[in-house]
Amino acid sequence: MATYKEIKGTQIEVLSSDPSNPVEGQVWYNSTSNVLKGQAATTVGAWATGGNRNTAMNNSGGAGTQTAALAFGGYVTSPASYSNKTESYNGTSWTAVNNMTTGRTGVRGTGTQTAALAFGGDLPPETAKTETWNGTNWTEVNDLNSARANMGSSTVGVATAAITFGGANPPGTGLAVTESYNGTNWTELNDLNNARRGLAGAGITTSALAYGGAPPPSGGLAYTELWNGTNWTEVNDLNTARRSINGAGASNTSALGFGGYSGGVYRAQTELWNGTNWTEVADLATARSASSNIGTQTLALAAGGYNNNSLTNTEEWTGPGASITKTFTDS
C-alpha cells in the first residue's frame, strides 16, 4: 500500500493548532489534541447546533454570512412586542448591539454584518421605512414605494443594491409588487406572476428567486419564480408547499429553502435549488417558520423563528460542496 508521502510527495504536517485557512485535500496532525485532521468538501448537507439568540424572536430581518451575521427587528411573543433589537453573530454566539430606529416584525434585509439594509415590516400597520446599518448605528433613509411586511428579498450582496418582492398589506392580502434599491431610492419594477405573502427570496438584484408563500387569505404555495433582472418567470415548484418559509442563496440558480408552515404543521424540510429543480435534503432539528434569512446555499443560518412560540435556538447549515474540517479515526 502506498504511503501518504508517496502519493502526495510530502509528509503529513505536524501543527500545534489547526490552520486558519486550510485548503481542500490538506492533511495535518494536531499535536495539541493528538488528532489527525484533513480538509474536505461535503457530499451531503447537514444542520448543526449554533449559539442561541439572546431574545426569543420570529420574523426578524437578516444580513451577512453564517459566521458574521446580523439579525434585527422581529416579534417577541412573551411579553408581546414589536422589537427594534439588533444582534450580531460571530459563528459562535449572539451579541446585542445598537437598536433599530423603528421596532417592527416581518422586516427584511440584505448586505453584510457591517453594512446592512433593513426595509418594510409591520409596526403595525405595514411600513415602507428603510434603514441602513454602518456597523454601529441605524439611520433612516428613503422609504419603499409600497409599504409591506413578510416579503421576499435578495439575501446576499451589498446594502446599496437590493431587491424585494411580494409581501402583505394589509396582513391578509398578498402583493405582487417588486422594487429595487440603488443606494438612494427604491424603484418599482415588473410584478411577480403570483401575488403572495410569507414567501422566501434568494439572490441579488439581477438574479433572484421567489418561492413559497401564501395566497390571500391563507394556505401555503409551492410556486417558484425566477428573476433575470427584468422579468419574473414561473419555474418548477417546491416539493413541499408552505408559507413563512425561510430562504438563502446567491443567485437564481443556487438557493436554499427551509422550514415554514402549511397544513397545520411547522415544517423542518430543507430543499436545494439547482436552477431547474428543488431536491429535498436534510431536515432542521427544530421545525420552524419565520426565522431570519441569512447566508447561501452552502452556508446558512436558521436563527430564531416560530413553533407555537418564538424561538432562540440557531441552526447552522453546511451544504453539499462546502469545505469542512474532518477528524480521521481508525474505525
Protein backbone atom coordinates (compact mmCIF):
# COMPACT_ATOMS: atom_id res chain seq x y z
CA MET A 1 0.00 0.00 0.00
CA ALA A 2 1.35 3.41 -0.94
CA THR A 3 2.13 5.85 1.86
CA TYR A 4 0.80 9.41 2.13
CA LYS A 5 4.26 10.75 1.24
CA GLU A 6 4.46 8.54 -1.86
CA ILE A 7 1.04 9.77 -3.01
CA LYS A 8 1.39 13.46 -2.11
CA GLY A 9 5.17 13.87 -2.26
CA THR A 10 5.35 15.30 1.26
CA GLN A 11 4.99 14.27 4.88
CA ILE A 12 1.83 14.94 6.89
CA GLU A 13 2.24 18.29 8.64
CA VAL A 14 2.56 18.35 12.42
CA LEU A 15 0.96 21.51 13.84
CA SER A 16 0.25 22.71 17.38
CA SER A 17 -3.14 24.10 16.23
CA ASP A 18 -5.42 23.74 13.22
CA PRO A 19 -4.51 26.02 10.27
CA SER A 20 -6.68 29.13 9.99
CA ASN A 21 -7.36 28.70 6.25
CA PRO A 22 -6.91 25.05 5.27
CA VAL A 23 -7.37 24.07 1.63
CA GLU A 24 -9.27 21.05 0.38
CA GLY A 25 -7.04 17.96 0.43
CA GLN A 26 -4.74 19.33 3.16
CA VAL A 27 -3.98 16.85 5.97
CA TRP A 28 -2.28 17.63 9.29
CA TYR A 29 -1.63 16.16 12.73
CA ASN A 30 -2.69 18.39 15.65
CA SER A 31 0.00 17.71 18.27
CA THR A 32 -2.00 19.50 20.98
CA SER A 33 -5.15 17.39 20.66
CA ASN A 34 -3.26 14.38 19.22
CA VAL A 35 -5.72 14.11 16.35
CA LEU A 36 -5.22 13.58 12.61
CA LYS A 37 -7.33 16.00 10.57
CA GLY A 38 -7.98 16.97 6.98
CA GLN A 39 -9.97 19.40 4.86
CA ALA A 40 -12.62 18.02 2.52
CA ALA A 41 -15.73 19.03 0.59
CA THR A 42 -19.07 17.80 1.92
CA THR A 43 -21.09 15.43 -0.26
CA VAL A 44 -24.39 15.85 1.62
CA GLY A 45 -25.79 18.74 3.63
CA ALA A 46 -26.49 18.83 7.37
CA TRP A 47 -27.75 21.17 10.08
CA ALA A 48 -25.71 21.65 13.28
CA THR A 49 -26.46 23.45 16.55
CA GLY A 50 -25.32 27.07 16.79
CA GLY A 51 -25.46 29.66 19.57
CA ASN A 52 -28.84 30.76 20.92
CA ARG A 53 -30.18 34.24 20.28
CA ASN A 54 -30.40 36.42 23.39
CA THR A 55 -34.12 37.08 22.86
CA ALA A 56 -36.69 34.59 21.56
CA MET A 57 -37.80 36.15 18.28
CA ASN A 58 -39.54 35.39 15.00
CA ASN A 59 -39.82 37.28 11.72
CA SER A 60 -36.53 39.17 12.13
CA GLY A 61 -34.61 40.62 9.22
CA GLY A 62 -31.18 39.21 8.45
CA ALA A 63 -27.92 40.07 6.70
CA GLY A 64 -24.38 38.77 6.44
CA THR A 65 -22.90 35.29 6.45
CA GLN A 66 -23.02 32.20 8.64
CA THR A 67 -20.04 33.36 10.73
CA ALA A 68 -20.65 37.12 10.54
CA ALA A 69 -24.39 37.71 10.68
CA LEU A 70 -26.85 40.38 11.76
CA ALA A 71 -30.47 39.84 12.88
CA PHE A 72 -32.79 42.78 13.53
CA GLY A 73 -36.38 43.52 14.44
CA GLY A 74 -38.99 40.79 14.79
CA TYR A 75 -41.81 39.75 17.05
CA VAL A 76 -41.44 38.74 20.71
CA THR A 77 -44.33 36.59 21.95
CA SER A 78 -43.71 36.96 25.68
CA PRO A 79 -44.27 39.72 26.55
CA ALA A 80 -45.77 40.57 23.16
CA SER A 81 -43.85 43.34 21.40
CA TYR A 82 -42.62 44.54 18.04
CA SER A 83 -38.88 44.57 18.54
CA ASN A 84 -36.19 47.03 17.48
CA LYS A 85 -33.38 44.85 18.86
CA THR A 86 -30.30 44.06 16.77
CA GLU A 87 -27.96 41.12 17.42
CA SER A 88 -24.62 40.23 15.84
CA TYR A 89 -23.37 36.63 15.36
CA ASN A 90 -19.70 35.62 15.16
CA GLY A 91 -20.21 31.96 14.33
CA THR A 92 -20.46 31.01 17.99
CA SER A 93 -22.60 33.47 19.94
CA TRP A 94 -25.02 36.38 19.51
CA THR A 95 -24.24 39.83 20.95
CA ALA A 96 -26.71 42.69 21.39
CA VAL A 97 -25.72 45.85 19.50
CA ASN A 98 -27.50 49.17 18.87
CA ASN A 99 -31.24 49.07 18.22
CA MET A 100 -33.08 49.93 15.01
CA THR A 101 -34.75 53.33 14.98
CA THR A 102 -38.18 51.70 14.50
CA GLY A 103 -39.29 48.38 16.02
CA ARG A 104 -41.22 46.06 13.66
CA THR A 105 -41.88 42.48 12.63
CA GLY A 106 -41.79 40.99 9.13
CA VAL A 107 -38.85 43.26 8.23
CA ARG A 108 -36.41 42.11 5.54
CA GLY A 109 -32.74 42.85 4.97
CA THR A 110 -29.62 42.33 2.91
CA GLY A 111 -25.94 43.29 3.00
CA THR A 112 -23.21 42.43 5.48
CA GLN A 113 -22.69 42.46 9.23
CA THR A 114 -21.08 45.92 8.98
CA ALA A 115 -23.13 47.43 6.12
CA ALA A 116 -26.74 46.27 6.03
CA LEU A 117 -30.13 47.43 4.78
CA ALA A 118 -33.46 46.87 6.58
CA PHE A 119 -36.79 47.58 4.87
CA GLY A 120 -40.51 47.20 5.29
CA GLY A 121 -42.21 45.38 8.15
CA ASP A 122 -45.24 45.68 10.37
CA LEU A 123 -45.43 48.21 13.25
CA PRO A 124 -48.46 47.73 12.91
CA PRO A 125 -49.60 48.84 10.34
CA GLU A 126 -47.29 47.87 7.49
CA THR A 127 -44.48 50.33 6.89
CA ALA A 128 -42.30 51.49 4.00
CA LYS A 129 -39.45 52.56 6.33
CA THR A 130 -35.89 51.75 5.23
CA GLU A 131 -32.79 51.92 7.44
CA THR A 132 -29.07 51.46 6.81
CA TRP A 133 -26.58 49.94 9.27
CA ASN A 134 -22.94 51.13 9.26
CA GLY A 135 -21.60 48.59 11.73
CA THR A 136 -22.52 50.74 14.72
CA ASN A 137 -25.82 52.60 14.18
CA TRP A 138 -29.01 52.52 12.14
CA THR A 139 -30.04 55.56 10.04
CA GLU A 140 -33.37 56.16 8.27
CA VAL A 141 -33.14 56.63 4.51
CA ASN A 142 -35.69 56.84 1.67
CA ASP A 143 -38.81 54.68 2.01
CA LEU A 144 -40.08 51.86 -0.15
CA ASN A 145 -42.76 52.94 -2.62
CA SER A 146 -45.17 50.30 -1.25
CA ALA A 147 -45.50 49.70 2.49
CA ARG A 148 -45.47 45.96 3.24
CA ALA A 149 -44.32 43.14 5.51
CA ASN A 150 -43.34 39.47 5.15
CA MET A 151 -41.99 39.83 1.63
CA GLY A 152 -39.18 38.08 -0.22
CA SER A 153 -35.86 39.77 -0.90
CA SER A 154 -32.28 39.39 -2.06
CA THR A 155 -30.24 37.71 0.70
CA VAL A 156 -26.67 38.38 -0.40
CA GLY A 157 -24.92 41.39 -1.81
CA VAL A 158 -24.46 44.93 -0.56
CA ALA A 159 -26.59 47.47 1.25
CA THR A 160 -26.60 49.72 -1.83
CA ALA A 161 -28.21 47.13 -4.13
CA ALA A 162 -31.30 45.24 -3.00
CA ILE A 163 -34.50 43.79 -4.44
CA THR A 164 -37.74 42.97 -2.64
CA PHE A 165 -40.94 41.37 -3.92
CA GLY A 166 -44.39 40.34 -2.76
CA GLY A 167 -45.44 40.75 0.86
CA ALA A 168 -48.60 41.76 2.69
CA ASN A 169 -50.56 44.99 3.16
CA PRO A 170 -52.93 44.59 4.94
CA PRO A 171 -51.90 41.32 6.67
CA GLY A 172 -54.45 39.04 4.97
CA THR A 173 -53.55 40.04 1.42
CA GLY A 174 -50.72 39.17 -0.93
CA LEU A 175 -48.80 41.62 -3.15
CA ALA A 176 -47.01 41.12 -6.48
CA VAL A 177 -45.04 44.40 -6.38
CA THR A 178 -41.26 44.27 -6.99
CA GLU A 179 -38.84 47.09 -6.10
CA SER A 180 -35.08 47.57 -6.33
CA TYR A 181 -32.80 49.85 -4.28
CA ASN A 182 -29.76 51.64 -5.73
CA GLY A 183 -28.29 53.06 -2.53
CA THR A 184 -30.55 56.13 -2.60
CA ASN A 185 -34.03 55.35 -3.91
CA TRP A 186 -36.43 52.46 -4.44
CA THR A 187 -37.76 51.92 -7.99
CA GLU A 188 -40.78 49.81 -8.91
CA LEU A 189 -40.09 47.02 -11.42
CA ASN A 190 -42.17 44.28 -13.09
CA ASP A 191 -44.52 42.38 -10.79
CA LEU A 192 -44.42 38.76 -9.69
CA ASN A 193 -46.77 36.48 -11.64
CA ASN A 194 -48.35 35.30 -8.38
CA ALA A 195 -49.23 37.77 -5.61
CA ARG A 196 -48.30 36.35 -2.19
CA ARG A 197 -47.02 36.99 1.31
CA GLY A 198 -44.74 34.98 3.59
CA LEU A 199 -42.50 33.94 0.71
CA ALA A 200 -38.74 33.39 0.69
CA GLY A 201 -36.18 35.03 -1.55
CA ALA A 202 -32.60 34.46 -2.65
CA GLY A 203 -30.04 36.10 -4.90
CA ILE A 204 -29.16 39.63 -5.98
CA THR A 205 -30.84 42.45 -7.91
CA THR A 206 -30.13 40.92 -11.34
CA SER A 207 -30.55 37.24 -10.46
CA ALA A 208 -33.14 36.36 -7.82
CA LEU A 209 -35.59 33.63 -6.86
CA ALA A 210 -39.02 33.88 -5.17
CA TYR A 211 -40.55 30.73 -3.65
CA GLY A 212 -43.30 29.53 -1.36
CA GLY A 213 -45.63 31.92 0.43
CA ALA A 214 -49.36 32.17 0.88
CA PRO A 215 -52.18 33.47 -1.32
CA PRO A 216 -54.88 35.56 0.27
CA PRO A 217 -56.36 34.69 2.66
CA SER A 218 -54.36 31.64 3.88
CA GLY A 219 -52.70 28.36 2.92
CA GLY A 220 -49.27 27.60 1.51
CA LEU A 221 -47.85 27.74 -2.02
CA ALA A 222 -45.13 25.76 -3.80
CA TYR A 223 -44.74 28.31 -6.61
CA THR A 224 -41.22 29.30 -7.64
CA GLU A 225 -40.41 32.29 -9.86
CA LEU A 226 -37.06 33.26 -11.39
CA TRP A 227 -35.96 36.90 -11.83
CA ASN A 228 -33.49 37.70 -14.63
CA GLY A 229 -33.09 41.40 -13.87
CA THR A 230 -36.16 42.39 -15.92
CA ASN A 231 -38.97 39.85 -15.63
CA TRP A 232 -40.29 37.03 -13.44
CA THR A 233 -40.77 33.57 -15.00
CA GLU A 234 -42.57 30.66 -13.36
CA VAL A 235 -40.33 27.60 -12.95
CA ASN A 236 -40.58 24.25 -11.13
CA ASP A 237 -42.35 24.19 -7.77
CA LEU A 238 -41.04 23.38 -4.31
CA ASN A 239 -41.68 19.79 -3.25
CA THR A 240 -43.48 20.99 -0.10
CA ALA A 241 -45.88 23.94 -0.32
CA ARG A 242 -45.54 26.31 2.65
CA ARG A 243 -45.75 29.88 3.88
CA SER A 244 -43.41 31.77 6.21
CA ILE A 245 -40.65 29.74 4.56
CA ASN A 246 -37.04 30.74 5.17
CA GLY A 247 -34.51 31.21 2.38
CA ALA A 248 -30.88 31.83 1.47
CA GLY A 249 -28.86 31.82 -1.72
CA ALA A 250 -26.55 33.72 -4.03
CA SER A 251 -28.48 33.70 -7.32
CA ASN A 252 -31.47 32.34 -9.24
CA THR A 253 -29.54 29.08 -9.83
CA SER A 254 -28.42 28.45 -6.25
CA ALA A 255 -30.88 28.68 -3.35
CA LEU A 256 -31.93 27.02 -0.11
CA GLY A 257 -35.47 26.80 1.29
CA PHE A 258 -36.11 25.55 4.83
CA GLY A 259 -38.82 25.42 7.45
CA GLY A 260 -42.17 27.14 7.03
CA TYR A 261 -45.79 26.31 7.84
CA SER A 262 -48.56 24.52 5.93
CA GLY A 263 -51.37 22.09 6.58
CA GLY A 264 -51.37 22.95 10.29
CA VAL A 265 -47.74 21.76 10.59
CA TYR A 266 -44.49 23.64 11.31
CA ARG A 267 -42.04 22.35 8.73
CA ALA A 268 -38.48 21.04 9.10
CA GLN A 269 -37.94 20.16 5.43
CA THR A 270 -34.94 21.64 3.62
CA GLU A 271 -34.76 21.89 -0.16
CA LEU A 272 -31.94 22.81 -2.56
CA TRP A 273 -32.50 24.63 -5.88
CA ASN A 274 -30.04 23.98 -8.73
CA GLY A 275 -31.50 26.36 -11.28
CA THR A 276 -34.02 23.81 -12.57
CA ASN A 277 -35.39 21.66 -9.76
CA TRP A 278 -35.82 21.51 -5.99
CA THR A 279 -34.35 18.49 -4.15
CA GLU A 280 -35.27 17.63 -0.57
CA VAL A 281 -32.26 17.11 1.72
CA ALA A 282 -31.65 17.05 5.50
CA ASP A 283 -34.34 18.36 7.88
CA LEU A 284 -33.89 21.06 10.52
CA ALA A 285 -33.55 19.67 14.04
CA THR A 286 -36.31 22.08 15.14
CA ALA A 287 -39.23 22.61 12.78
CA ARG A 288 -39.96 26.33 12.49
CA SER A 289 -41.35 29.14 10.40
CA ALA A 290 -40.28 32.79 10.08
CA SER A 291 -36.61 32.59 11.03
CA SER A 292 -34.05 35.09 9.71
CA ASN A 293 -32.92 34.70 6.09
CA ILE A 294 -29.11 34.62 6.22
CA GLY A 295 -26.43 33.06 4.03
CA THR A 296 -26.02 30.98 0.89
CA GLN A 297 -26.97 27.53 -0.37
CA THR A 298 -23.84 26.03 1.19
CA LEU A 299 -23.52 28.08 4.40
CA ALA A 300 -26.72 29.42 6.01
CA LEU A 301 -28.34 30.17 9.36
CA ALA A 302 -31.78 29.43 10.76
CA ALA A 303 -31.87 31.96 13.60
CA GLY A 304 -34.88 32.05 15.89
CA GLY A 305 -38.30 31.61 14.31
CA TYR A 306 -41.65 30.29 15.49
CA ASN A 307 -43.10 26.94 16.57
CA ASN A 308 -46.09 27.63 18.83
CA ASN A 309 -43.86 30.27 20.43
CA SER A 310 -40.87 32.40 19.46
CA LEU A 311 -37.53 30.54 19.45
CA THR A 312 -33.98 31.42 20.49
CA ASN A 313 -32.15 28.45 19.00
CA THR A 314 -29.91 28.78 15.95
CA GLU A 315 -29.01 26.07 13.46
CA GLU A 316 -26.09 26.25 11.02
CA TRP A 317 -26.39 24.69 7.56
CA THR A 318 -23.38 23.23 5.75
CA GLY A 319 -24.46 22.22 2.26
CA PRO A 320 -23.02 19.91 -0.39
CA GLY A 321 -19.72 21.22 -1.74
CA ALA A 322 -18.86 23.27 1.35
CA SER A 323 -15.35 22.88 2.74
CA ILE A 324 -15.18 21.31 6.22
CA THR A 325 -12.53 20.03 8.60
CA LYS A 326 -12.80 16.29 9.28
CA THR A 327 -11.20 14.24 12.04
CA PHE A 328 -9.78 10.88 10.97
CA THR A 329 -10.19 7.82 13.20
CA ASP A 330 -9.01 4.23 12.89
CA SER A 331 -12.59 2.93 12.77
